[in-house]
Protein backbone atom coordinates (compact mmCIF):
# COMPACT_ATOMS: atom_id res chain seq x y z
CA MET A 1 0.02 0.28 -0.31
CA ASN A 2 1.38 3.49 -0.80
CA THR A 3 1.64 6.44 1.49
CA PRO A 4 -1.85 8.49 -0.18
CA SER A 5 -3.65 5.36 0.53
CA ILE A 6 -2.48 5.01 3.77
CA ARG A 7 -3.17 8.64 4.82
CA GLN A 8 -6.76 8.38 3.10
CA LYS A 9 -7.47 5.30 5.17
CA LEU A 10 -6.33 7.00 8.60
CA PHE A 11 -8.06 10.10 7.79
CA ASP A 12 -11.44 8.15 6.69
CA TYR A 13 -10.78 6.19 9.83
CA LEU A 14 -10.51 9.33 12.00
CA GLN A 15 -13.76 10.92 10.57
CA VAL A 16 -15.96 7.79 12.58
CA ALA A 17 -13.50 6.07 15.59
CA ASP A 18 -14.59 6.49 18.83
CA ASP A 19 -13.12 9.41 20.79
CA LYS A 20 -11.09 6.87 22.82
CA LYS A 21 -9.33 5.64 19.87
CA VAL A 22 -8.51 9.11 18.57
CA VAL A 23 -7.33 10.12 21.83
CA ALA A 24 -5.04 7.13 21.81
CA ILE A 25 -3.59 7.85 18.47
CA TYR A 26 -3.03 11.14 19.16
CA SER A 27 -0.99 10.14 22.06
CA ILE A 28 1.11 8.37 20.28
CA LEU A 29 1.73 10.94 18.01
CA GLU A 30 1.55 14.11 20.46
CA GLU A 31 5.28 15.06 20.47
CA GLU A 32 5.52 15.04 16.77
CA ILE A 33 2.62 16.82 15.98
CA GLU A 34 3.28 19.45 18.46
CA ALA A 35 7.03 19.81 17.33
CA ASN A 36 5.71 20.18 13.69
CA ALA A 37 2.74 22.75 15.02
CA ILE A 38 5.97 24.79 16.26
CA ASP A 39 7.79 24.61 13.18
CA TRP A 40 4.90 25.72 10.92
CA ASN A 41 4.17 28.84 13.57
CA ASN A 42 8.26 29.53 13.21
CA LYS A 43 8.14 29.77 9.36
CA LEU A 44 4.69 31.95 9.19
CA LEU A 45 6.28 34.65 11.61
CA VAL A 46 9.47 34.96 9.68
């Protein structure tokens, strides 16, 4: 399976997943998500 297909499947799943699973997935990725948000904010301020 290619990356775009995986992204789409994850996106589709998150739309219907119960809250507990969404929180669990976010918890796994939280540090990376927050780090990327900081990077984007810094780029927008330049």
